[in-house]
Every structure is written in structure tokens, then in C-alpha cells.
N, C-alpha and C. Protein backbone atom coordinates (compact mmCIF):
# COMPACT_ATOMS: atom_id res chain seq x y z
N MET A 1 -24.72 -9.25 262.60
CA MET A 1 -24.14 -8.23 262.01
C MET A 1 -25.58 -7.20 261.28
N SER A 2 -26.45 -7.52 261.93
CA SER A 2 -27.81 -6.66 261.76
C SER A 2 -27.62 -5.35 262.07
N THR A 3 -27.25 -5.10 263.11
CA THR A 3 -26.60 -3.09 263.15
C THR A 3 -25.91 -2.58 262.59
N PRO A 4 -26.13 -1.89 261.62
CA PRO A 4 -25.73 -1.01 260.65
C PRO A 4 -24.37 -0.74 261.11
N LEU A 5 -23.04 -0.72 260.69
CA LEU A 5 -21.75 -0.39 261.00
C LEU A 5 -21.44 0.77 261.62
N LEU A 6 -22.09 2.32 260.96
CA LEU A 6 -21.86 3.50 261.68
C LEU A 6 -22.64 3.30 263.21
N GLU A 7 -23.61 2.49 263.25
CA GLU A 7 -23.80 2.50 265.00
C GLU A 7 -23.08 1.18 265.73
N ARG A 8 -22.50 0.85 265.03
CA ARG A 8 -21.25 0.15 266.19
C ARG A 8 -20.07 0.68 266.17
N LEU A 9 -19.58 1.64 265.43
CA LEU A 9 -18.42 2.31 265.57
C LEU A 9 -18.57 3.19 266.97
N GLU A 10 -17.06 2.89 267.75
CA GLU A 10 -17.05 3.75 268.86
C GLU A 10 -15.91 4.72 268.28
N CYS A 11 -15.82 5.63 269.51
CA CYS A 11 -14.43 6.52 269.18
C CYS A 11 -14.08 6.88 270.43
N GLU A 12 -12.74 6.50 271.11
CA GLU A 12 -12.11 6.49 272.44
C GLU A 12 -10.79 6.62 272.04
N HIS A 13 -10.12 7.26 272.76
CA HIS A 13 -8.45 7.29 273.16
C HIS A 13 -8.19 7.71 271.50
N GLY A 14 -8.57 8.31 270.43
CA GLY A 14 -8.21 8.80 269.18
C GLY A 14 -8.20 7.23 268.24
N GLU A 15 -9.16 6.56 268.76
CA GLU A 15 -9.45 5.18 267.71
C GLU A 15 -10.80 4.97 267.14
N LEU A 16 -11.23 5.15 266.03
CA LEU A 16 -12.18 4.40 266.02
C LEU A 16 -12.51 3.22 265.67
N ARG A 17 -13.19 2.19 266.25
CA ARG A 17 -13.02 0.67 266.17
C ARG A 17 -14.82 -0.11 266.09
N ASP A 18 -14.96 -1.23 265.24
CA ASP A 18 -16.11 -1.71 265.83
C ASP A 18 -15.54 -2.99 265.96
N GLY A 19 -15.62 -2.99 267.18
CA GLY A 19 -15.14 -4.44 267.83
C GLY A 19 -13.61 -4.00 268.22
N ALA A 20 -13.06 -5.37 267.48
CA ALA A 20 -11.55 -5.45 267.34
C ALA A 20 -10.83 -4.72 266.15
N THR A 21 -11.35 -4.08 265.59
CA THR A 21 -11.29 -3.78 264.03
C THR A 21 -11.16 -2.23 264.20
N ARG A 22 -10.27 -1.84 263.64
CA ARG A 22 -9.52 -0.38 264.09
C ARG A 22 -9.86 0.19 262.64
N TYR A 23 -10.61 1.24 262.57
CA TYR A 23 -10.52 2.13 261.43
C TYR A 23 -9.85 3.41 261.18
N LEU A 24 -9.62 3.52 260.01
CA LEU A 24 -8.74 5.03 259.62
C LEU A 24 -9.54 5.92 258.93
N LEU A 25 -10.06 6.81 258.71
CA LEU A 25 -10.69 8.00 258.02
C LEU A 25 -9.42 8.85 257.45
N VAL A 26 -9.35 8.49 256.11
CA VAL A 26 -8.70 9.52 255.43
C VAL A 26 -9.15 10.00 253.86
N ARG A 27 -9.37 11.21 253.53
CA ARG A 27 -9.51 11.86 252.39
C ARG A 27 -9.15 10.58 250.98
N HIS A 28 -10.44 10.75 250.28
CA HIS A 28 -9.88 9.82 249.05
C HIS A 28 -9.03 10.24 248.09
N ASP A 29 -9.08 11.64 247.99
CA ASP A 29 -8.21 12.18 247.20
C ASP A 29 -6.72 12.60 247.88
N SER A 30 -6.38 12.44 248.90
CA SER A 30 -4.70 12.39 249.43
C SER A 30 -4.23 10.83 249.36
N LEU A 31 -5.29 10.04 249.69
CA LEU A 31 -4.27 8.91 249.45
C LEU A 31 -4.27 8.42 247.83
N MET A 32 -5.46 8.51 247.04
CA MET A 32 -5.13 8.15 245.56
C MET A 32 -3.85 9.27 244.76
N GLY A 33 -4.08 10.39 245.62
CA GLY A 33 -2.89 11.33 245.12
C GLY A 33 -1.57 11.07 245.30
N MET A 34 -1.65 9.91 246.19
CA MET A 34 -0.10 9.59 246.73
C MET A 34 0.40 8.46 245.21
N PHE A 35 -0.64 7.51 244.64
CA PHE A 35 -0.46 6.92 243.53
C PHE A 35 -0.09 7.62 242.35
N ALA A 36 -0.87 8.67 242.13
CA ALA A 36 -0.94 9.51 240.99
C ALA A 36 0.53 10.03 240.65
N ARG A 37 1.04 10.44 242.17
CA ARG A 37 2.60 11.07 241.86
C ARG A 37 3.76 10.28 241.51
N LEU A 38 3.08 8.44 241.68
CA LEU A 38 4.65 7.87 241.48
C LEU A 38 4.87 7.57 240.04
N ARG A 39 6.07 7.03 239.35
CA ARG A 39 5.93 6.57 237.98
C ARG A 39 5.09 5.14 237.72
N PRO A 40 4.93 5.11 236.61
CA PRO A 40 3.90 4.22 235.97
C PRO A 40 4.36 2.71 236.94
N GLU A 41 5.27 2.25 236.59
CA GLU A 41 6.28 1.09 237.16
C GLU A 41 6.02 0.76 238.86
N ALA A 42 6.09 2.03 239.04
CA ALA A 42 5.92 1.57 240.59
C ALA A 42 4.33 2.25 241.24
N ARG A 43 3.82 2.97 240.26
CA ARG A 43 2.75 2.65 240.74
C ARG A 43 2.05 1.49 240.49
N ARG A 44 2.52 0.93 239.58
CA ARG A 44 1.68 -0.75 239.40
C ARG A 44 2.20 -1.67 240.66
N ALA A 45 3.23 -1.36 240.80
CA ALA A 45 3.56 -2.39 241.74
C ALA A 45 3.09 -1.87 243.61
N ALA A 46 2.67 -0.18 243.29
CA ALA A 46 2.46 -0.08 244.75
C ALA A 46 0.59 -0.51 244.77
N PHE A 47 -0.36 -0.34 243.77
CA PHE A 47 -1.42 -0.94 243.44
C PHE A 47 -1.41 -2.21 243.69
N ALA A 48 -0.51 -2.92 243.43
CA ALA A 48 -0.34 -4.63 243.34
C ALA A 48 -0.03 -4.82 245.01
N ALA A 49 0.82 -4.07 245.93
CA ALA A 49 0.95 -3.89 247.68
C ALA A 49 -0.41 -3.90 247.99
N LEU A 50 -1.21 -2.53 247.57
CA LEU A 50 -2.60 -2.23 248.05
C LEU A 50 -3.50 -3.52 248.02
N ALA A 51 -2.96 -4.22 246.85
CA ALA A 51 -4.54 -5.41 246.59
C ALA A 51 -3.84 -6.41 247.93
N ASP A 52 -2.80 -6.72 247.72
CA ASP A 52 -2.47 -7.59 248.69
C ASP A 52 -2.81 -7.52 249.89
N SER A 53 -2.06 -6.46 250.21
CA SER A 53 -2.82 -6.01 251.81
C SER A 53 -4.15 -5.73 252.34
N LEU A 54 -4.85 -5.62 251.30
CA LEU A 54 -6.39 -5.63 251.55
C LEU A 54 -6.79 -6.82 251.61
N ALA A 55 -6.41 -8.02 250.95
CA ALA A 55 -6.76 -9.12 250.51
C ALA A 55 -6.24 -9.88 251.97
N GLU A 56 -5.27 -9.60 252.63
CA GLU A 56 -4.35 -10.51 253.56
C GLU A 56 -5.45 -9.42 254.79
N HIS A 57 -5.39 -8.30 255.27
CA HIS A 57 -5.97 -7.33 256.32
C HIS A 57 -7.69 -7.88 256.00
N GLY A 58 -7.98 -7.57 254.69
CA GLY A 58 -9.55 -7.26 254.84
C GLY A 58 -10.36 -8.64 254.81
N ALA A 59 -9.26 -9.94 254.93
CA ALA A 59 -10.15 -11.18 255.19
C ALA A 59 -10.51 -11.56 256.48
N ARG A 60 -9.84 -10.62 257.41
CA ARG A 60 -9.88 -10.85 258.81
C ARG A 60 -11.16 -10.73 259.04
N SER A 61 -11.52 -9.10 258.45
CA SER A 61 -12.88 -8.71 258.71
C SER A 61 -13.83 -9.30 258.31
N ALA A 62 -13.33 -9.68 257.17
CA ALA A 62 -14.63 -10.51 256.32
C ALA A 62 -14.79 -12.10 257.24
N GLN A 63 -14.02 -12.51 257.92
CA GLN A 63 -13.86 -13.68 258.55
C GLN A 63 -15.09 -13.35 259.87
N ARG A 64 -14.70 -12.43 260.31
CA ARG A 64 -15.10 -11.83 261.49
C ARG A 64 -16.91 -11.63 261.26
N TYR A 65 -17.18 -10.97 259.82
CA TYR A 65 -18.50 -10.89 259.62
C TYR A 65 -19.06 -12.51 259.46
N ALA A 66 -18.34 -13.29 258.31
CA ALA A 66 -19.14 -14.51 258.23
C ALA A 66 -19.60 -15.23 259.48
N ALA A 67 -18.28 -15.33 260.54
CA ALA A 67 -18.73 -16.07 261.93
C ALA A 67 -19.85 -15.63 262.65
N ALA A 68 -20.02 -14.33 262.57
CA ALA A 68 -21.67 -13.55 263.15
C ALA A 68 -22.67 -13.69 262.34
N LEU A 69 -22.63 -15.13 261.07
CA LEU A 69 -23.75 -14.95 260.23
C LEU A 69 -24.61 -16.08 260.76
N PRO A 70 -25.73 -16.12 260.71
CA PRO A 70 -26.42 -17.62 260.82
C PRO A 70 -25.57 -18.72 259.64
N GLN A 71 -25.96 -18.36 258.54
CA GLN A 71 -25.29 -19.03 256.94
C GLN A 71 -24.27 -18.66 257.04
N GLY A 72 -23.18 -18.39 257.72
CA GLY A 72 -21.79 -18.03 257.49
C GLY A 72 -21.37 -17.33 256.07
N SER A 73 -20.51 -17.45 255.33
CA SER A 73 -20.24 -17.10 253.94
C SER A 73 -21.42 -17.07 252.95
N GLU A 74 -22.49 -17.64 253.22
CA GLU A 74 -23.85 -18.10 252.00
C GLU A 74 -23.91 -16.33 252.18
N GLN A 75 -24.14 -15.67 253.80
CA GLN A 75 -24.99 -14.12 253.60
C GLN A 75 -23.90 -13.25 253.64
N LEU A 76 -22.76 -13.35 253.06
CA LEU A 76 -21.55 -12.33 253.40
C LEU A 76 -21.61 -11.66 252.56
N LEU A 77 -21.79 -11.94 251.46
CA LEU A 77 -21.64 -10.84 249.89
C LEU A 77 -23.21 -9.91 250.70
N ALA A 78 -24.36 -10.12 251.11
CA ALA A 78 -25.28 -9.23 251.07
C ALA A 78 -24.55 -8.18 252.62
N VAL A 79 -23.66 -8.74 253.51
CA VAL A 79 -23.51 -7.99 254.23
C VAL A 79 -22.33 -7.14 253.86
N ILE A 80 -21.38 -7.48 253.05
CA ILE A 80 -20.63 -6.50 252.54
C ILE A 80 -20.95 -5.59 251.56
N GLU A 81 -22.04 -5.71 250.82
CA GLU A 81 -22.93 -4.99 250.19
C GLU A 81 -23.21 -3.70 250.98
N ALA A 82 -23.94 -3.96 251.82
CA ALA A 82 -24.91 -3.04 253.08
C ALA A 82 -23.42 -2.42 253.65
N THR A 83 -22.32 -2.89 253.81
CA THR A 83 -21.62 -2.40 254.75
C THR A 83 -20.17 -1.34 254.13
N ALA A 84 -20.14 -1.74 252.76
CA ALA A 84 -19.18 -1.39 251.97
C ALA A 84 -19.59 0.40 251.83
N PRO A 85 -20.71 0.80 251.39
CA PRO A 85 -21.34 2.54 251.83
C PRO A 85 -20.86 3.01 252.81
N GLN A 86 -21.35 2.12 253.93
CA GLN A 86 -21.06 3.12 255.36
C GLN A 86 -19.32 3.21 255.51
N LEU A 87 -18.48 2.46 254.84
CA LEU A 87 -17.11 2.93 254.63
C LEU A 87 -16.61 4.00 253.76
N GLY A 88 -17.97 4.20 252.98
CA GLY A 88 -17.38 5.15 252.06
C GLY A 88 -16.60 4.54 250.65
N TRP A 89 -17.29 3.04 250.51
CA TRP A 89 -16.19 2.46 249.51
C TRP A 89 -17.37 2.56 248.61
N GLY A 90 -18.39 3.19 248.25
CA GLY A 90 -18.88 3.13 247.13
C GLY A 90 -20.35 2.36 247.59
N ARG A 91 -21.13 2.23 246.31
CA ARG A 91 -22.31 1.19 246.26
C ARG A 91 -21.94 0.01 245.58
N TRP A 92 -21.64 -1.08 246.41
CA TRP A 92 -21.19 -2.61 245.74
C TRP A 92 -22.55 -3.46 245.67
N ARG A 93 -22.63 -4.07 244.43
CA ARG A 93 -23.57 -5.00 244.10
C ARG A 93 -22.76 -6.37 243.37
N PHE A 94 -23.03 -7.52 244.35
CA PHE A 94 -22.46 -8.51 243.69
C PHE A 94 -23.42 -9.48 242.96
N GLU A 95 -22.85 -10.33 241.83
CA GLU A 95 -23.38 -10.89 241.27
C GLU A 95 -22.86 -12.70 241.01
N ARG A 96 -23.28 -13.67 242.02
CA ARG A 96 -22.60 -14.45 242.09
C ARG A 96 -23.06 -15.85 240.51
N ARG A 97 -22.05 -16.13 239.95
CA ARG A 97 -22.17 -16.58 239.01
C ARG A 97 -21.72 -18.25 238.96
N GLY A 98 -22.07 -19.13 239.47
CA GLY A 98 -21.24 -20.59 239.93
C GLY A 98 -20.22 -20.17 240.55
N GLU A 99 -19.00 -20.61 240.05
CA GLU A 99 -17.63 -20.29 240.85
C GLU A 99 -17.18 -19.04 240.40
N GLU A 100 -17.95 -18.02 240.27
CA GLU A 100 -17.26 -16.64 239.92
C GLU A 100 -18.22 -15.95 240.56
N ILE A 101 -17.37 -14.87 240.92
CA ILE A 101 -18.29 -13.53 241.37
C ILE A 101 -18.03 -12.18 241.03
N GLY A 102 -19.12 -11.38 240.28
CA GLY A 102 -18.92 -10.39 239.58
C GLY A 102 -19.40 -9.34 240.68
N LEU A 103 -18.87 -8.01 240.64
CA LEU A 103 -18.81 -6.77 241.52
C LEU A 103 -18.88 -5.70 240.96
N THR A 104 -20.18 -4.71 240.70
CA THR A 104 -20.02 -3.52 240.36
C THR A 104 -20.05 -2.46 241.18
N VAL A 105 -19.29 -1.19 241.46
CA VAL A 105 -19.03 -0.42 242.09
C VAL A 105 -19.68 0.75 241.61
N GLU A 106 -20.45 1.30 242.07
CA GLU A 106 -20.82 2.67 241.81
C GLU A 106 -20.33 3.73 242.75
N ASN A 107 -19.47 4.95 242.01
CA ASN A 107 -19.56 5.94 242.94
C ASN A 107 -17.95 5.13 243.83
N SER A 108 -16.86 4.68 243.25
CA SER A 108 -15.63 4.23 243.61
C SER A 108 -14.90 5.30 244.42
N PRO A 109 -14.54 5.51 245.25
CA PRO A 109 -13.63 6.91 245.96
C PRO A 109 -12.55 6.43 245.49
N PHE A 110 -11.95 5.35 244.99
CA PHE A 110 -10.68 5.47 244.68
C PHE A 110 -10.34 5.98 242.87
N ALA A 111 -11.29 5.99 242.33
CA ALA A 111 -11.56 6.46 240.95
C ALA A 111 -11.93 7.99 241.14
N ALA A 112 -12.81 8.33 241.79
CA ALA A 112 -13.04 9.60 241.97
C ALA A 112 -11.58 10.17 242.29
N GLY A 113 -11.28 10.03 243.26
CA GLY A 113 -10.06 10.69 244.08
C GLY A 113 -8.71 10.49 243.47
N TYR A 114 -8.51 9.44 242.52
CA TYR A 114 -7.54 9.53 241.44
C TYR A 114 -7.65 10.45 240.05
N GLY A 115 -9.31 10.63 240.00
CA GLY A 115 -9.42 11.42 238.53
C GLY A 115 -8.84 10.81 237.53
N ARG A 116 -8.59 11.19 236.22
CA ARG A 116 -8.65 10.26 234.98
C ARG A 116 -7.28 9.71 234.82
N SER A 117 -7.67 8.10 234.33
CA SER A 117 -6.56 7.58 234.33
C SER A 117 -6.73 6.60 232.98
N GLU A 118 -5.58 6.16 232.42
CA GLU A 118 -5.42 5.44 231.47
C GLU A 118 -5.47 3.96 231.48
N GLU A 119 -5.59 3.26 233.30
CA GLU A 119 -5.56 2.07 233.65
C GLU A 119 -6.68 2.22 235.14
N PRO A 120 -7.12 0.96 235.33
CA PRO A 120 -7.65 0.77 236.47
C PRO A 120 -6.62 1.17 237.58
N VAL A 121 -8.00 2.06 238.61
CA VAL A 121 -7.35 2.28 239.70
C VAL A 121 -7.54 1.51 240.94
N CYS A 122 -8.38 0.89 241.02
CA CYS A 122 -9.43 0.61 242.11
C CYS A 122 -8.88 -0.94 242.92
N ALA A 123 -7.32 -1.14 243.09
CA ALA A 123 -6.67 -1.99 243.50
C ALA A 123 -7.31 -2.65 245.00
N ALA A 124 -7.40 -1.45 245.98
CA ALA A 124 -8.06 -1.77 247.52
C ALA A 124 -9.25 -2.35 247.35
N ILE A 125 -10.50 -2.43 245.80
CA ILE A 125 -11.05 -2.95 245.58
C ILE A 125 -11.46 -4.30 245.45
N ALA A 126 -10.39 -4.29 244.48
CA ALA A 126 -10.14 -5.66 244.07
C ALA A 126 -9.56 -6.79 245.01
N GLY A 127 -8.84 -5.95 245.80
CA GLY A 127 -7.96 -6.85 247.03
C GLY A 127 -9.03 -7.55 248.03
N MET A 128 -10.31 -6.42 248.41
CA MET A 128 -11.24 -6.84 249.08
C MET A 128 -11.74 -8.02 248.55
N LEU A 129 -12.05 -7.80 247.22
CA LEU A 129 -13.13 -8.97 246.68
C LEU A 129 -12.31 -10.23 246.71
N ARG A 130 -10.84 -10.39 246.39
CA ARG A 130 -10.24 -11.47 246.67
C ARG A 130 -10.42 -12.01 247.94
N ALA A 131 -10.45 -11.36 248.87
CA ALA A 131 -10.38 -11.83 250.50
C ALA A 131 -11.99 -12.61 250.53
N VAL A 132 -13.23 -11.95 249.79
CA VAL A 132 -14.62 -12.00 250.20
C VAL A 132 -15.00 -13.31 248.98
N ALA A 133 -14.19 -13.02 248.10
CA ALA A 133 -14.45 -14.89 246.93
C ALA A 133 -13.89 -15.62 248.20
N GLY A 134 -12.35 -15.83 248.29
CA GLY A 134 -11.71 -16.89 249.03
C GLY A 134 -12.85 -17.33 249.94
N LEU A 135 -13.73 -16.17 250.79
CA LEU A 135 -14.47 -17.61 251.90
C LEU A 135 -15.62 -17.65 250.89
N THR A 136 -16.05 -16.86 250.15
CA THR A 136 -17.47 -17.45 249.53
C THR A 136 -17.30 -18.60 248.64
N LEU A 137 -16.49 -18.51 248.08
CA LEU A 137 -15.99 -19.67 247.21
C LEU A 137 -15.30 -20.83 247.83
N GLY A 138 -14.87 -20.75 249.14
CA GLY A 138 -14.37 -21.52 249.95
C GLY A 138 -12.94 -22.01 249.31
N ALA A 139 -12.24 -21.42 248.79
CA ALA A 139 -10.98 -21.46 247.95
C ALA A 139 -9.98 -20.34 247.87
N THR A 140 -8.78 -20.44 247.80
CA THR A 140 -8.16 -19.10 247.51
C THR A 140 -8.46 -18.61 246.05
N ALA A 141 -8.89 -17.33 246.03
CA ALA A 141 -9.30 -16.90 244.97
C ALA A 141 -8.44 -15.76 244.26
N ALA A 142 -8.79 -15.08 243.10
CA ALA A 142 -7.94 -14.34 242.20
C ALA A 142 -9.44 -13.05 241.86
N ALA A 143 -8.95 -12.12 241.56
CA ALA A 143 -10.12 -11.14 241.40
C ALA A 143 -9.23 -9.84 240.38
N GLU A 144 -9.88 -9.32 239.88
CA GLU A 144 -9.65 -8.28 238.57
C GLU A 144 -10.44 -7.27 238.59
N GLU A 145 -10.11 -6.32 238.04
CA GLU A 145 -10.98 -5.02 237.96
C GLU A 145 -11.10 -4.71 236.24
N HIS A 146 -11.72 -4.84 235.81
CA HIS A 146 -11.73 -5.12 234.04
C HIS A 146 -12.27 -3.75 233.73
N ARG A 147 -13.05 -2.85 234.30
CA ARG A 147 -13.77 -1.87 234.36
C ARG A 147 -13.92 -0.61 235.51
N CYS A 148 -13.18 0.39 235.03
CA CYS A 148 -13.00 1.29 236.10
C CYS A 148 -13.08 2.78 235.55
N ALA A 149 -14.04 3.52 236.70
CA ALA A 149 -14.68 4.72 236.39
C ALA A 149 -13.56 5.91 235.85
N ALA A 150 -12.30 5.59 236.42
CA ALA A 150 -11.25 6.90 236.05
C ALA A 150 -10.68 6.36 234.72
N VAL A 151 -10.99 5.52 234.03
CA VAL A 151 -10.68 5.17 232.57
C VAL A 151 -11.85 5.50 232.01
N ALA A 152 -13.06 5.37 231.93
CA ALA A 152 -14.26 5.63 230.99
C ALA A 152 -15.50 5.29 232.31
N GLY A 153 -16.54 5.97 231.95
CA GLY A 153 -17.86 5.38 232.50
C GLY A 153 -18.10 5.84 233.63
N THR A 154 -18.94 5.28 234.20
CA THR A 154 -19.42 5.85 235.91
C THR A 154 -19.13 4.61 236.71
N SER A 155 -18.91 3.55 236.32
CA SER A 155 -18.69 2.38 237.02
C SER A 155 -17.66 1.70 237.40
N CYS A 156 -17.55 0.99 238.08
CA CYS A 156 -16.18 -0.38 238.14
C CYS A 156 -16.34 -1.55 237.92
N GLY A 157 -16.42 -2.18 237.41
CA GLY A 157 -16.59 -3.50 237.14
C GLY A 157 -15.36 -4.37 237.76
N PHE A 158 -15.40 -5.49 238.36
CA PHE A 158 -14.30 -6.30 238.93
C PHE A 158 -15.22 -7.79 238.97
N ARG A 159 -14.30 -9.02 238.85
CA ARG A 159 -14.86 -10.16 238.84
C ARG A 159 -13.67 -11.03 239.66
N ALA A 160 -14.26 -12.31 240.39
CA ALA A 160 -13.26 -13.15 240.84
C ALA A 160 -13.79 -14.18 240.44
N TRP A 161 -12.59 -15.16 240.98
CA TRP A 161 -12.65 -16.47 240.38
C TRP A 161 -11.75 -17.69 241.32
N ARG A 162 -11.94 -18.72 241.73
CA ARG A 162 -11.18 -19.89 242.40
C ARG A 162 -9.83 -20.10 241.38
N ARG A 163 -8.82 -19.70 242.19
CA ARG A 163 -7.23 -20.02 241.77
C ARG A 163 -6.85 -21.32 241.47
N ALA A 164 -6.43 -21.81 240.76
CA ALA A 164 -6.15 -23.31 240.67
C ALA A 164 -4.86 -23.12 241.39
N ALA A 165 -5.34 -24.62 242.30
CA ALA A 165 -4.18 -24.74 243.21
C ALA A 165 -2.23 -25.21 243.37
């Protein structure tokens, strides 16, 4: 995984692929505008569904990355930090604190695409963090966004931890 993602991407037959993984480019404001149009209860349910989907499907990408690394999941956080900006997901910085993983995201496309909000809107990042944390911690993980640039400030903050069995 030393080759940058943007150099690995292939585009043919209307598909954008990194090996077996197909990607889709969508404007950040188009995606987040859908959530902004939902009633609050429907929006919360849609964000939860997006986080769950990213946790499930993002885990497959993270597993593929980890399998290609000499030290497996130990190097995974560094690979994800390098890959996230290439996918347009902002600049990620992980901090491992024992059995907890902190994540700071600068320039989240989800917060930028949504605009001002009273609640955190970066459910996709929380879902991906849950997937990555599960691999890194070696157990099922939970994740939450505790600070969102759409609510206040300039960065988003997340934490992930082992979920009790």
C-alpha cells in the first residue's frame, strides 16, 4: 500500500476502481443536501444507517489495506490517514490511547457539504472509524462524533472504543 491511492485508481467502462474496490465520486453538497432535506427524526435514522453501512462496507476496504501491510493492523491507522485526503474525506489524524482511538478531521466534506447544523453530521466518518477501530483494537468497536465543524469550530472530533460483548 505504499503507492498513493490516486496512482492506483483505474477508470474504465465507467468505473473508478482501486483493485476490486469500486469508488463513486459525488459532490459533497449533493449528498449532504439530501440529509438536510429530511425531518429531524428521519435524518437521525438516515445518518445511523449511513454509519452502519460504512462500518460494514468500509471494513472490507480496511481489511484489504491491513492484509497488504507487513505489520497488519498496526500500520493501518497511518495508511488510513494517508488515504482519507486522497478520497476527499478531509485530513485525518489518529491518536491511539490504550483501548481507545481518537480521530481529528480537518476539512470534513460532510460538515462542509451540510452547512450549519445543531447536531453532528459526519456519520460516514464515524462509521468508517468504527470499522478501522474494530480491526486495530481486535474487537467489535463503537464510535461517536463528539465535535462537529458543522455545529461549531473548524474540526471534527471522534472517538472509538471496544464495545462490550
